[in-house]
Amino acid sequence: MNLNHLSSMAYNVTQKHGTEPAFSSPLHNNKKKGTYTCVVCNIPLFSSTHKFDSGTGWPSFYSPLSEANIASKTDYEIGYPRTEVHCAKCEAHLGHVFNDGPKPTGLRYCINGVCLNFIPQ
């Protein structure tokens, strides 16, 4: 897969499991209607209708567009288990999912904005 289109930050996050600084992504405050896709392979990941302000500094969603497009695994990088989420198609690291989100799912997909493209509706 050609990764030349990625910024150095997007490469670090998607390929090296890095994290962008909190509140640094323009997508954090994006309130437009549309679809968020993977910055690496463009598969649709999240809908603006599932986005909410978690106060964490990263775009947050309570549900993916399709469970088939998101994969997960346990990550121990900071000393305790967290659930890492990545693109099911290209395996790009996206962020993590936590059990402290709003209804109806109770989940908070905390996603690095640099991992996403936004396609307005």
PDB file of N, CA and C in Angstrom:
ATOM      1  N   MET A   1       0.848  -1.181   0.000  1.00  0.00           N
ATOM      2  CA  MET A   1       0.000   0.000   0.000  1.00  0.00           C
ATOM      3  C   MET A   1       0.890   1.239   0.000  1.00  0.00           C
ATOM      4  N   ASN A   2       0.564   2.197  -0.836  1.00  0.00           N
ATOM      5  CA  ASN A   2       1.327   3.436  -0.943  1.00  0.00           C
ATOM      6  C   ASN A   2       0.940   4.373   0.203  1.00  0.00           C
ATOM      7  N   LEU A   3       1.922   4.771   0.984  1.00  0.00           N
ATOM      8  CA  LEU A   3       1.682   5.644   2.134  1.00  0.00           C
ATOM      9  C   LEU A   3       2.254   7.040   1.929  1.00  0.00           C
ATOM     10  N   ASN A   4       2.694   7.358   0.721  1.00  0.00           N
ATOM     11  CA  ASN A   4       3.337   8.645   0.440  1.00  0.00           C
ATOM     12  C   ASN A   4       2.427   9.842   0.663  1.00  0.00           C
ATOM     13  N   HIS A   5       1.114   9.644   0.620  1.00  0.00           N
ATOM     14  CA  HIS A   5       0.175  10.756   0.799  1.00  0.00           C
ATOM     15  C   HIS A   5      -0.006  11.158   2.263  1.00  0.00           C
ATOM     16  N   LEU A   6       0.536  10.385   3.187  1.00  0.00           N
ATOM     17  CA  LEU A   6       0.357  10.667   4.617  1.00  0.00           C
ATOM     18  C   LEU A   6       1.331  11.731   5.112  1.00  0.00           C
ATOM     19  N   SER A   7       0.845  12.601   5.982  1.00  0.00           N
ATOM     20  CA  SER A   7       1.741  13.531   6.674  1.00  0.00           C
ATOM     21  C   SER A   7       2.621  12.719   7.621  1.00  0.00           C
ATOM     22  N   SER A   8       3.684  13.329   8.115  1.00  0.00           N
ATOM     23  CA  SER A   8       4.550  12.599   9.055  1.00  0.00           C
ATOM     24  C   SER A   8       3.782  12.220  10.319  1.00  0.00           C
ATOM     25  N   MET A   9       2.878  13.086  10.782  1.00  0.00           N
ATOM     26  CA  MET A   9       2.076  12.770  11.965  1.00  0.00           C
ATOM     27  C   MET A   9       1.113  11.613  11.665  1.00  0.00           C
ATOM     28  N   ALA A  10       0.450  11.652  10.510  1.00  0.00           N
ATOM     29  CA  ALA A  10      -0.476  10.572  10.143  1.00  0.00           C
ATOM     30  C   ALA A  10       0.268   9.246  10.011  1.00  0.00           C
ATOM     31  N   TYR A  11       1.455   9.283   9.450  1.00  0.00           N
ATOM     32  CA  TYR A  11       2.258   8.063   9.341  1.00  0.00           C
ATOM     33  C   TYR A  11       2.611   7.540  10.734  1.00  0.00           C
ATOM     34  N   ASN A  12       3.067   8.416  11.613  1.00  0.00           N
ATOM     35  CA  ASN A  12       3.445   8.008  12.962  1.00  0.00           C
ATOM     36  C   ASN A  12       2.264   7.379  13.712  1.00  0.00           C
ATOM     37  N   VAL A  13       1.100   7.972  13.591  1.00  0.00           N
ATOM     38  CA  VAL A  13      -0.064   7.458  14.317  1.00  0.00           C
ATOM     39  C   VAL A  13      -0.580   6.171  13.688  1.00  0.00           C
ATOM     40  N   THR A  14      -0.784   6.163  12.371  1.00  0.00           N
ATOM     41  CA  THR A  14      -1.397   4.993  11.732  1.00  0.00           C
ATOM     42  C   THR A  14      -0.465   3.787  11.632  1.00  0.00           C
ATOM     43  N   GLN A  15       0.833   4.039  11.472  1.00  0.00           N
ATOM     44  CA  GLN A  15       1.765   2.936  11.244  1.00  0.00           C
ATOM     45  C   GLN A  15       2.618   2.581  12.459  1.00  0.00           C
ATOM     46  N   LYS A  16       2.849   3.556  13.338  1.00  0.00           N
ATOM     47  CA  LYS A  16       3.724   3.337  14.500  1.00  0.00           C
ATOM     48  C   LYS A  16       2.949   3.382  15.821  1.00  0.00           C
ATOM     49  N   HIS A  17       1.625   3.468  15.735  1.00  0.00           N
ATOM     50  CA  HIS A  17       0.740   3.478  16.904  1.00  0.00           C
ATOM     51  C   HIS A  17       0.961   4.679  17.809  1.00  0.00           C
ATOM     52  N   GLY A  18       1.298   5.806  17.198  1.00  0.00           N
ATOM     53  CA  GLY A  18       1.481   7.038  17.959  1.00  0.00           C
ATOM     54  C   GLY A  18       0.149   7.671  18.322  1.00  0.00           C
ATOM     55  N   THR A  19       0.220   8.850  18.913  1.00  0.00           N
ATOM     56  CA  THR A  19      -0.968   9.623  19.283  1.00  0.00           C
ATOM     57  C   THR A  19      -0.705  11.085  18.952  1.00  0.00           C
ATOM     58  N   GLU A  20      -1.677  11.719  18.317  1.00  0.00           N
ATOM     59  CA  GLU A  20      -1.548  13.145  18.044  1.00  0.00           C
ATOM     60  C   GLU A  20      -1.824  13.920  19.333  1.00  0.00           C
ATOM     61  N   PRO A  21      -1.303  15.132  19.469  1.00  0.00           N
ATOM     62  CA  PRO A  21      -1.589  15.927  20.661  1.00  0.00           C
ATOM     63  C   PRO A  21      -3.092  16.220  20.777  1.00  0.00           C
ATOM     64  N   ALA A  22      -3.595  16.180  21.990  1.00  0.00           N
ATOM     65  CA  ALA A  22      -5.008  16.497  22.245  1.00  0.00           C
ATOM     66  C   ALA A  22      -5.334  17.884  21.716  1.00  0.00           C
ATOM     67  N   PHE A  23      -6.529  18.036  21.193  1.00  0.00           N
ATOM     68  CA  PHE A  23      -7.072  19.297  20.673  1.00  0.00           C
ATOM     69  C   PHE A  23      -6.316  19.824  19.454  1.00  0.00           C
ATOM     70  N   SER A  24      -5.475  19.004  18.809  1.00  0.00           N
ATOM     71  CA  SER A  24      -4.699  19.478  17.667  1.00  0.00           C
ATOM     72  C   SER A  24      -5.387  19.261  16.322  1.00  0.00           C
ATOM     73  N   SER A  25      -6.368  18.397  16.260  1.00  0.00           N
ATOM     74  CA  SER A  25      -7.010  18.087  14.987  1.00  0.00           C
ATOM     75  C   SER A  25      -8.166  19.032  14.688  1.00  0.00           C
ATOM     76  N   PRO A  26      -8.208  19.570  13.470  1.00  0.00           N
ATOM     77  CA  PRO A  26      -9.363  20.391  13.069  1.00  0.00           C
ATOM     78  C   PRO A  26     -10.675  19.584  13.096  1.00  0.00           C
ATOM     79  N   LEU A  27     -10.568  18.259  13.010  1.00  0.00           N
ATOM     80  CA  LEU A  27     -11.773  17.429  13.027  1.00  0.00           C
ATOM     81  C   LEU A  27     -12.368  17.293  14.426  1.00  0.00           C
ATOM     82  N   HIS A  28     -11.597  17.655  15.441  1.00  0.00           N
ATOM     83  CA  HIS A  28     -12.120  17.573  16.812  1.00  0.00           C
ATOM     84  C   HIS A  28     -13.381  18.419  16.961  1.00  0.00           C
ATOM     85  N   ASN A  29     -13.386  19.623  16.449  1.00  0.00           N
ATOM     86  CA  ASN A  29     -14.538  20.525  16.580  1.00  0.00           C
ATOM     87  C   ASN A  29     -15.443  20.538  15.351  1.00  0.00           C
ATOM     88  N   ASN A  30     -15.208  19.647  14.405  1.00  0.00           N
ATOM     89  CA  ASN A  30     -16.024  19.601  13.195  1.00  0.00           C
ATOM     90  C   ASN A  30     -17.463  19.205  13.533  1.00  0.00           C
ATOM     91  N   LYS A  31     -18.413  20.036  13.145  1.00  0.00           N
ATOM     92  CA  LYS A  31     -19.818  19.758  13.423  1.00  0.00           C
ATOM     93  C   LYS A  31     -20.623  19.572  12.136  1.00  0.00           C
ATOM     94  N   LYS A  32     -19.926  19.501  10.996  1.00  0.00           N
ATOM     95  CA  LYS A  32     -20.600  19.313   9.712  1.00  0.00           C
ATOM     96  C   LYS A  32     -21.083  17.871   9.576  1.00  0.00           C
ATOM     97  N   LYS A  33     -22.122  17.696   8.748  1.00  0.00           N
ATOM     98  CA  LYS A  33     -22.644  16.356   8.477  1.00  0.00           C
ATOM     99  C   LYS A  33     -21.801  15.700   7.395  1.00  0.00           C
ATOM    100  N   GLY A  34     -21.513  14.417   7.601  1.00  0.00           N
ATOM    101  CA  GLY A  34     -20.747  13.690   6.618  1.00  0.00           C
ATOM    102  C   GLY A  34     -20.194  12.386   7.165  1.00  0.00           C
ATOM    103  N   THR A  35     -19.215  11.859   6.454  1.00  0.00           N
ATOM    104  CA  THR A  35     -18.614  10.566   6.773  1.00  0.00           C
ATOM    105  C   THR A  35     -17.121  10.735   7.000  1.00  0.00           C
ATOM    106  N   TYR A  36     -16.618  10.042   8.000  1.00  0.00           N
ATOM    107  CA  TYR A  36     -15.193  10.011   8.312  1.00  0.00           C
ATOM    108  C   TYR A  36     -14.622   8.708   7.757  1.00  0.00           C
ATOM    109  N   THR A  37     -13.581   8.825   6.938  1.00  0.00           N
ATOM    110  CA  THR A  37     -12.973   7.649   6.323  1.00  0.00           C
ATOM    111  C   THR A  37     -11.528   7.494   6.799  1.00  0.00           C
ATOM    112  N   CYS A  38     -10.977   6.311   6.581  1.00  0.00           N
ATOM    113  CA  CYS A  38      -9.581   6.040   6.932  1.00  0.00           C
ATOM    114  C   CYS A  38      -8.663   6.865   6.039  1.00  0.00           C
ATOM    115  N   VAL A  39      -7.708   7.562   6.618  1.00  0.00           N
ATOM    116  CA  VAL A  39      -6.772   8.396   5.865  1.00  0.00           C
ATOM    117  C   VAL A  39      -5.846   7.556   4.975  1.00  0.00           C
ATOM    118  N   VAL A  40      -5.673   6.289   5.312  1.00  0.00           N
ATOM    119  CA  VAL A  40      -4.787   5.422   4.534  1.00  0.00           C
ATOM    120  C   VAL A  40      -5.516   4.822   3.333  1.00  0.00           C
ATOM    121  N   CYS A  41      -6.701   4.210   3.565  1.00  0.00           N
ATOM    122  CA  CYS A  41      -7.359   3.445   2.497  1.00  0.00           C
ATOM    123  C   CYS A  41      -8.746   3.962   2.108  1.00  0.00           C
ATOM    124  N   ASN A  42      -9.245   4.979   2.794  1.00  0.00           N
ATOM    125  CA  ASN A  42     -10.536   5.624   2.505  1.00  0.00           C
ATOM    126  C   ASN A  42     -11.778   4.788   2.792  1.00  0.00           C
ATOM    127  N   ILE A  43     -11.654   3.681   3.504  1.00  0.00           N
ATOM    128  CA  ILE A  43     -12.842   2.914   3.872  1.00  0.00           C
ATOM    129  C   ILE A  43     -13.687   3.759   4.840  1.00  0.00           C
ATOM    130  N   PRO A  44     -15.009   3.788   4.703  1.00  0.00           N
ATOM    131  CA  PRO A  44     -15.848   4.562   5.628  1.00  0.00           C
ATOM    132  C   PRO A  44     -15.795   3.977   7.042  1.00  0.00           C
ATOM    133  N   LEU A  45     -15.543   4.841   8.023  1.00  0.00           N
ATOM    134  CA  LEU A  45     -15.397   4.384   9.407  1.00  0.00           C
ATOM    135  C   LEU A  45     -16.489   4.900  10.344  1.00  0.00           C
ATOM    136  N   PHE A  46     -16.749   6.204  10.306  1.00  0.00           N
ATOM    137  CA  PHE A  46     -17.676   6.810  11.263  1.00  0.00           C
ATOM    138  C   PHE A  46     -18.580   7.818  10.566  1.00  0.00           C
ATOM    139  N   SER A  47     -19.759   8.025  11.149  1.00  0.00           N
ATOM    140  CA  SER A  47     -20.703   9.028  10.665  1.00  0.00           C
ATOM    141  C   SER A  47     -20.729  10.209  11.621  1.00  0.00           C
ATOM    142  N   SER A  48     -20.947  11.382  11.080  1.00  0.00           N
ATOM    143  CA  SER A  48     -21.069  12.571  11.927  1.00  0.00           C
ATOM    144  C   SER A  48     -22.254  12.451  12.885  1.00  0.00           C
ATOM    145  N   THR A  49     -23.233  11.644  12.554  1.00  0.00           N
ATOM    146  CA  THR A  49     -24.397  11.483  13.440  1.00  0.00           C
ATOM    147  C   THR A  49     -24.042  10.719  14.713  1.00  0.00           C
ATOM    148  N   HIS A  50     -22.901  10.026  14.725  1.00  0.00           N
ATOM    149  CA  HIS A  50     -22.457   9.276  15.906  1.00  0.00           C
ATOM    150  C   HIS A  50     -21.338   9.999  16.657  1.00  0.00           C
ATOM    151  N   LYS A  51     -21.002  11.220  16.236  1.00  0.00           N
ATOM    152  CA  LYS A  51     -19.914  11.986  16.842  1.00  0.00           C
ATOM    153  C   LYS A  51     -20.450  12.771  18.045  1.00  0.00           C
ATOM    154  N   PHE A  52     -19.639  12.888  19.080  1.00  0.00           N
ATOM    155  CA  PHE A  52     -20.010  13.683  20.253  1.00  0.00           C
ATOM    156  C   PHE A  52     -18.765  14.302  20.868  1.00  0.00           C
ATOM    157  N   ASP A  53     -18.960  15.321  21.679  1.00  0.00           N
ATOM    158  CA  ASP A  53     -17.850  15.991  22.352  1.00  0.00           C
ATOM    159  C   ASP A  53     -17.598  15.306  23.683  1.00  0.00           C
ATOM    160  N   SER A  54     -16.516  14.554  23.744  1.00  0.00           N
ATOM    161  CA  SER A  54     -16.175  13.809  24.959  1.00  0.00           C
ATOM    162  C   SER A  54     -15.354  14.641  25.933  1.00  0.00           C
ATOM    163  N   GLY A  55     -14.849  15.792  25.479  1.00  0.00           N
ATOM    164  CA  GLY A  55     -14.014  16.628  26.329  1.00  0.00           C
ATOM    165  C   GLY A  55     -12.580  16.134  26.432  1.00  0.00           C
ATOM    166  N   THR A  56     -12.226  15.114  25.669  1.00  0.00           N
ATOM    167  CA  THR A  56     -10.889  14.515  25.767  1.00  0.00           C
ATOM    168  C   THR A  56      -9.862  15.166  24.854  1.00  0.00           C
ATOM    169  N   GLY A  57     -10.324  15.862  23.804  1.00  0.00           N
ATOM    170  CA  GLY A  57      -9.399  16.489  22.866  1.00  0.00           C
ATOM    171  C   GLY A  57      -9.224  15.725  21.567  1.00  0.00           C
ATOM    172  N   TRP A  58      -9.927  14.605  21.411  1.00  0.00           N
ATOM    173  CA  TRP A  58      -9.884  13.827  20.178  1.00  0.00           C
ATOM    174  C   TRP A  58     -11.299  13.621  19.671  1.00  0.00           C
ATOM    175  N   PRO A  59     -11.460  13.516  18.349  1.00  0.00           N
ATOM    176  CA  PRO A  59     -12.789  13.196  17.830  1.00  0.00           C
ATOM    177  C   PRO A  59     -13.300  11.909  18.478  1.00  0.00           C
ATOM    178  N   SER A  60     -14.543  11.942  18.936  1.00  0.00           N
ATOM    179  CA  SER A  60     -15.118  10.787  19.619  1.00  0.00           C
ATOM    180  C   SER A  60     -16.448  10.406  18.983  1.00  0.00           C
ATOM    181  N   PHE A  61     -16.672   9.101  18.916  1.00  0.00           N
ATOM    182  CA  PHE A  61     -17.867   8.547  18.294  1.00  0.00           C
ATOM    183  C   PHE A  61     -18.409   7.454  19.204  1.00  0.00           C
ATOM    184  N   TYR A  62     -19.733   7.285  19.245  1.00  0.00           N
ATOM    185  CA  TYR A  62     -20.282   6.221  20.079  1.00  0.00           C
ATOM    186  C   TYR A  62     -20.513   4.928  19.302  1.00  0.00           C
ATOM    187  N   SER A  63     -20.295   4.969  17.974  1.00  0.00           N
ATOM    188  CA  SER A  63     -20.487   3.772  17.161  1.00  0.00           C
ATOM    189  C   SER A  63     -19.798   3.947  15.814  1.00  0.00           C
ATOM    190  N   PRO A  64     -19.218   2.878  15.266  1.00  0.00           N
ATOM    191  CA  PRO A  64     -18.699   2.963  13.907  1.00  0.00           C
ATOM    192  C   PRO A  64     -19.837   2.852  12.894  1.00  0.00           C
ATOM    193  N   LEU A  65     -19.589   3.225  11.662  1.00  0.00           N
ATOM    194  CA  LEU A  65     -20.582   3.053  10.597  1.00  0.00           C
ATOM    195  C   LEU A  65     -20.904   1.578  10.415  1.00  0.00           C
ATOM    196  N   SER A  66     -19.877   0.744  10.428  1.00  0.00           N
ATOM    197  CA  SER A  66     -20.037  -0.697  10.277  1.00  0.00           C
ATOM    198  C   SER A  66     -19.013  -1.391  11.164  1.00  0.00           C
ATOM    199  N   GLU A  67     -19.473  -2.320  11.979  1.00  0.00           N
ATOM    200  CA  GLU A  67     -18.556  -3.098  12.822  1.00  0.00           C
ATOM    201  C   GLU A  67     -17.521  -3.824  11.966  1.00  0.00           C
ATOM    202  N   ALA A  68     -17.880  -4.156  10.721  1.00  0.00           N
ATOM    203  CA  ALA A  68     -16.970  -4.884   9.830  1.00  0.00           C
ATOM    204  C   ALA A  68     -15.775  -4.041   9.403  1.00  0.00           C
ATOM    205  N   ASN A  69     -15.863  -2.711   9.511  1.00  0.00           N
ATOM    206  CA  ASN A  69     -14.783  -1.835   9.065  1.00  0.00           C
ATOM    207  C   ASN A  69     -13.789  -1.483  10.160  1.00  0.00           C
ATOM    208  N   ILE A  70     -14.102  -1.862  11.397  1.00  0.00           N
ATOM    209  CA  ILE A  70     -13.246  -1.578  12.548  1.00  0.00           C
ATOM    210  C   ILE A  70     -12.822  -2.899  13.177  1.00  0.00           C
ATOM    211  N   ALA A  71     -11.552  -3.027  13.483  1.00  0.00           N
ATOM    212  CA  ALA A  71     -11.049  -4.197  14.196  1.00  0.00           C
ATOM    213  C   ALA A  71     -10.425  -3.719  15.501  1.00  0.00           C
ATOM    214  N   SER A  72     -10.248  -4.626  16.439  1.00  0.00           N
ATOM    215  CA  SER A  72      -9.683  -4.228  17.728  1.00  0.00           C
ATOM    216  C   SER A  72      -8.765  -5.313  18.281  1.00  0.00           C
ATOM    217  N   LYS A  73      -7.927  -4.884  19.207  1.00  0.00           N
ATOM    218  CA  LYS A  73      -7.061  -5.812  19.934  1.00  0.00           C
ATOM    219  C   LYS A  73      -6.681  -5.156  21.257  1.00  0.00           C
ATOM    220  N   THR A  74      -6.247  -5.948  22.202  1.00  0.00           N
ATOM    221  CA  THR A  74      -5.823  -5.421  23.496  1.00  0.00           C
ATOM    222  C   THR A  74      -4.408  -4.881  23.383  1.00  0.00           C
ATOM    223  N   ASP A  75      -4.206  -3.707  23.958  1.00  0.00           N
ATOM    224  CA  ASP A  75      -2.919  -3.009  23.912  1.00  0.00           C
ATOM    225  C   ASP A  75      -2.496  -2.722  25.351  1.00  0.00           C
ATOM    226  N   TYR A  76      -1.233  -3.011  25.675  1.00  0.00           N
ATOM    227  CA  TYR A  76      -0.685  -2.801  27.031  1.00  0.00           C
ATOM    228  C   TYR A  76       0.397  -1.728  27.042  1.00  0.00           C
ATOM    229  N   GLU A  77       0.416  -0.843  26.039  1.00  0.00           N
ATOM    230  CA  GLU A  77       1.504   0.120  25.876  1.00  0.00           C
ATOM    231  C   GLU A  77       1.697   1.060  27.056  1.00  0.00           C
ATOM    232  N   ILE A  78       0.660   1.334  27.837  1.00  0.00           N
ATOM    233  CA  ILE A  78       0.819   2.263  28.963  1.00  0.00           C
ATOM    234  C   ILE A  78       0.718   1.557  30.319  1.00  0.00           C
ATOM    235  N   GLY A  79       0.889   0.236  30.313  1.00  0.00           N
ATOM    236  CA  GLY A  79       0.957  -0.501  31.568  1.00  0.00           C
ATOM    237  C   GLY A  79      -0.335  -1.170  32.004  1.00  0.00           C
ATOM    238  N   TYR A  80      -1.437  -0.870  31.358  1.00  0.00           N
ATOM    239  CA  TYR A  80      -2.687  -1.561  31.660  1.00  0.00           C
ATOM    240  C   TYR A  80      -3.433  -1.796  30.345  1.00  0.00           C
ATOM    241  N   PRO A  81      -4.340  -2.756  30.336  1.00  0.00           N
ATOM    242  CA  PRO A  81      -4.996  -3.085  29.068  1.00  0.00           C
ATOM    243  C   PRO A  81      -5.980  -2.022  28.599  1.00  0.00           C
ATOM    244  N   ARG A  82      -5.895  -1.723  27.303  1.00  0.00           N
ATOM    245  CA  ARG A  82      -6.862  -0.859  26.624  1.00  0.00           C
ATOM    246  C   ARG A  82      -7.229  -1.572  25.330  1.00  0.00           C
ATOM    247  N   THR A  83      -8.355  -1.193  24.762  1.00  0.00           N
ATOM    248  CA  THR A  83      -8.759  -1.784  23.495  1.00  0.00           C
ATOM    249  C   THR A  83      -8.392  -0.826  22.371  1.00  0.00           C
ATOM    250  N   GLU A  84      -7.390  -1.220  21.590  1.00  0.00           N
ATOM    251  CA  GLU A  84      -6.964  -0.439  20.436  1.00  0.00           C
ATOM    252  C   GLU A  84      -7.923  -0.723  19.285  1.00  0.00           C
ATOM    253  N   VAL A  85      -8.257   0.314  18.523  1.00  0.00           N
ATOM    254  CA  VAL A  85      -9.053   0.108  17.315  1.00  0.00           C
ATOM    255  C   VAL A  85      -8.212   0.473  16.100  1.00  0.00           C
ATOM    256  N   HIS A  86      -8.413  -0.308  15.049  1.00  0.00           N
ATOM    257  CA  HIS A  86      -7.709  -0.058  13.804  1.00  0.00           C
ATOM    258  C   HIS A  86      -8.630  -0.371  12.630  1.00  0.00           C
ATOM    259  N   CYS A  87      -8.247   0.126  11.480  1.00  0.00           N
ATOM    260  CA  CYS A  87      -9.001  -0.091  10.257  1.00  0.00           C
ATOM    261  C   CYS A  87      -8.942  -1.576   9.907  1.00  0.00           C
ATOM    262  N   ALA A  88     -10.091  -2.173   9.664  1.00  0.00           N
ATOM    263  CA  ALA A  88     -10.137  -3.591   9.337  1.00  0.00           C
ATOM    264  C   ALA A  88      -9.564  -3.880   7.955  1.00  0.00           C
ATOM    265  N   LYS A  89      -9.566  -2.898   7.071  1.00  0.00           N
ATOM    266  CA  LYS A  89      -9.068  -3.109   5.711  1.00  0.00           C
ATOM    267  C   LYS A  89      -7.550  -3.008   5.627  1.00  0.00           C
ATOM    268  N   CYS A  90      -6.971  -1.912   6.161  1.00  0.00           N
ATOM    269  CA  CYS A  90      -5.525  -1.685   5.997  1.00  0.00           C
ATOM    270  C   CYS A  90      -4.738  -1.805   7.304  1.00  0.00           C
ATOM    271  N   GLU A  91      -5.440  -2.020   8.415  1.00  0.00           N
ATOM    272  CA  GLU A  91      -4.846  -2.185   9.746  1.00  0.00           C
ATOM    273  C   GLU A  91      -4.206  -0.920  10.310  1.00  0.00           C
ATOM    274  N   ALA A  92      -4.553   0.253   9.782  1.00  0.00           N
ATOM    275  CA  ALA A  92      -4.048   1.511  10.339  1.00  0.00           C
ATOM    276  C   ALA A  92      -4.555   1.684  11.765  1.00  0.00           C
ATOM    277  N   HIS A  93      -3.649   2.038  12.661  1.00  0.00           N
ATOM    278  CA  HIS A  93      -4.027   2.358  14.040  1.00  0.00           C
ATOM    279  C   HIS A  93      -4.872   3.632  14.016  1.00  0.00           C
ATOM    280  N   LEU A  94      -6.018   3.612  14.713  1.00  0.00           N
ATOM    281  CA  LEU A  94      -6.917   4.768  14.748  1.00  0.00           C
ATOM    282  C   LEU A  94      -6.977   5.414  16.118  1.00  0.00           C
ATOM    283  N   GLY A  95      -6.976   4.621  17.168  1.00  0.00           N
ATOM    284  CA  GLY A  95      -7.132   5.125  18.529  1.00  0.00           C
ATOM    285  C   GLY A  95      -7.550   3.985  19.443  1.00  0.00           C
ATOM    286  N   HIS A  96      -8.457   4.297  20.372  1.00  0.00           N
ATOM    287  CA  HIS A  96      -8.913   3.302  21.351  1.00  0.00           C
ATOM    288  C   HIS A  96     -10.409   3.439  21.571  1.00  0.00           C
ATOM    289  N   VAL A  97     -11.014   2.393  22.099  1.00  0.00           N
ATOM    290  CA  VAL A  97     -12.429   2.430  22.461  1.00  0.00           C
ATOM    291  C   VAL A  97     -12.538   2.163  23.964  1.00  0.00           C
ATOM    292  N   PHE A  98     -13.400   2.950  24.618  1.00  0.00           N
ATOM    293  CA  PHE A  98     -13.592   2.871  26.064  1.00  0.00           C
ATOM    294  C   PHE A  98     -15.077   2.679  26.379  1.00  0.00           C
ATOM    295  N   ASN A  99     -15.355   2.193  27.554  1.00  0.00           N
ATOM    296  CA  ASN A  99     -16.738   1.923  27.978  1.00  0.00           C
ATOM    297  C   ASN A  99     -17.345   3.074  28.760  1.00  0.00           C
ATOM    298  N   ASP A 100     -17.010   4.310  28.419  1.00  0.00           N
ATOM    299  CA  ASP A 100     -17.542   5.467  29.150  1.00  0.00           C
ATOM    300  C   ASP A 100     -18.249   6.450  28.218  1.00  0.00           C
ATOM    301  N   GLY A 101     -18.810   5.942  27.150  1.00  0.00           N
ATOM    302  CA  GLY A 101     -19.484   6.795  26.175  1.00  0.00           C
ATOM    303  C   GLY A 101     -20.966   6.948  26.459  1.00  0.00           C
ATOM    304  N   PRO A 102     -21.645   7.713  25.627  1.00  0.00           N
ATOM    305  CA  PRO A 102     -23.073   7.968  25.821  1.00  0.00           C
ATOM    306  C   PRO A 102     -23.941   6.814  25.309  1.00  0.00           C
ATOM    307  N   LYS A 103     -25.216   6.905  25.619  1.00  0.00           N
ATOM    308  CA  LYS A 103     -26.179   5.970  25.050  1.00  0.00           C
ATOM    309  C   LYS A 103     -26.282   6.254  23.569  1.00  0.00           C
ATOM    310  N   PRO A 104     -26.606   5.350  22.735  1.00  0.00           N
ATOM    311  CA  PRO A 104     -27.173   4.046  23.050  1.00  0.00           C
ATOM    312  C   PRO A 104     -26.157   2.937  23.263  1.00  0.00           C
ATOM    313  N   THR A 105     -24.873   3.152  22.957  1.00  0.00           N
ATOM    314  CA  THR A 105     -23.900   2.057  23.048  1.00  0.00           C
ATOM    315  C   THR A 105     -23.094   2.048  24.338  1.00  0.00           C
ATOM    316  N   GLY A 106     -22.906   3.216  24.953  1.00  0.00           N
ATOM    317  CA  GLY A 106     -22.039   3.317  26.119  1.00  0.00           C
ATOM    318  C   GLY A 106     -20.563   3.279  25.756  1.00  0.00           C
ATOM    319  N   LEU A 107     -20.263   3.349  24.458  1.00  0.00           N
ATOM    320  CA  LEU A 107     -18.870   3.293  24.000  1.00  0.00           C
ATOM    321  C   LEU A 107     -18.376   4.673  23.590  1.00  0.00           C
ATOM    322  N   ARG A 108     -17.064   4.854  23.726  1.00  0.00           N
ATOM    323  CA  ARG A 108     -16.406   6.077  23.247  1.00  0.00           C
ATOM    324  C   ARG A 108     -15.217   5.658  22.391  1.00  0.00           C
ATOM    325  N   TYR A 109     -15.388   5.764  21.077  1.00  0.00           N
ATOM    326  CA  TYR A 109     -14.283   5.544  20.157  1.00  0.00           C
ATOM    327  C   TYR A 109     -13.495   6.844  20.119  1.00  0.00           C
ATOM    328  N   CYS A 110     -12.342   6.849  20.756  1.00  0.00           N
ATOM    329  CA  CYS A 110     -11.478   8.019  20.861  1.00  0.00           C
ATOM    330  C   CYS A 110     -10.452   7.905  19.736  1.00  0.00           C
ATOM    331  N   ILE A 111     -10.660   8.684  18.671  1.00  0.00           N
ATOM    332  CA  ILE A 111      -9.931   8.495  17.425  1.00  0.00           C
ATOM    333  C   ILE A 111      -9.017   9.689  17.139  1.00  0.00           C
ATOM    334  N   ASN A 112      -7.802   9.409  16.753  1.00  0.00           N
ATOM    335  CA  ASN A 112      -6.879  10.457  16.320  1.00  0.00           C
ATOM    336  C   ASN A 112      -7.415  11.065  15.029  1.00  0.00           C
ATOM    337  N   GLY A 113      -7.640  12.373  15.042  1.00  0.00           N
ATOM    338  CA  GLY A 113      -8.187  13.047  13.870  1.00  0.00           C
ATOM    339  C   GLY A 113      -7.297  12.924  12.644  1.00  0.00           C
ATOM    340  N   VAL A 114      -6.001  12.818  12.848  1.00  0.00           N
ATOM    341  CA  VAL A 114      -5.048  12.703  11.744  1.00  0.00           C
ATOM    342  C   VAL A 114      -5.231  11.388  10.986  1.00  0.00           C
ATOM    343  N   CYS A 115      -5.948  10.442  11.562  1.00  0.00           N
ATOM    344  CA  CYS A 115      -6.216   9.151  10.918  1.00  0.00           C
ATOM    345  C   CYS A 115      -7.445   9.194  10.016  1.00  0.00           C
ATOM    346  N   LEU A 116      -8.128  10.325  10.017  1.00  0.00           N
ATOM    347  CA  LEU A 116      -9.411  10.425   9.321  1.00  0.00           C
ATOM    348  C   LEU A 116      -9.401  11.460   8.196  1.00  0.00           C
ATOM    349  N   ASN A 117     -10.142  11.149   7.169  1.00  0.00           N
ATOM    350  CA  ASN A 117     -10.549  12.132   6.154  1.00  0.00           C
ATOM    351  C   ASN A 117     -12.019  12.406   6.429  1.00  0.00           C
ATOM    352  N   PHE A 118     -12.476  13.604   6.102  1.00  0.00           N
ATOM    353  CA  PHE A 118     -13.888  13.933   6.262  1.00  0.00           C
ATOM    354  C   PHE A 118     -14.492  14.212   4.899  1.00  0.00           C
ATOM    355  N   ILE A 119     -15.581  13.530   4.615  1.00  0.00           N
ATOM    356  CA  ILE A 119     -16.313  13.745   3.364  1.00  0.00           C
ATOM    357  C   ILE A 119     -17.653  14.357   3.719  1.00  0.00           C
ATOM    358  N   PRO A 120     -17.850  15.653   3.404  1.00  0.00           N
ATOM    359  CA  PRO A 120     -19.123  16.301   3.750  1.00  0.00           C
ATOM    360  C   PRO A 120     -20.292  15.680   2.987  1.00  0.00           C
ATOM    361  N   GLN A 121     -21.437  15.770   3.610  1.00  0.00           N
ATOM    362  CA  GLN A 121     -22.652  15.216   3.022  1.00  0.00           C
ATOM    363  C   GLN A 121     -23.226  16.144   1.989  1.00  0.00           C
TER     364      GLN A 121
END
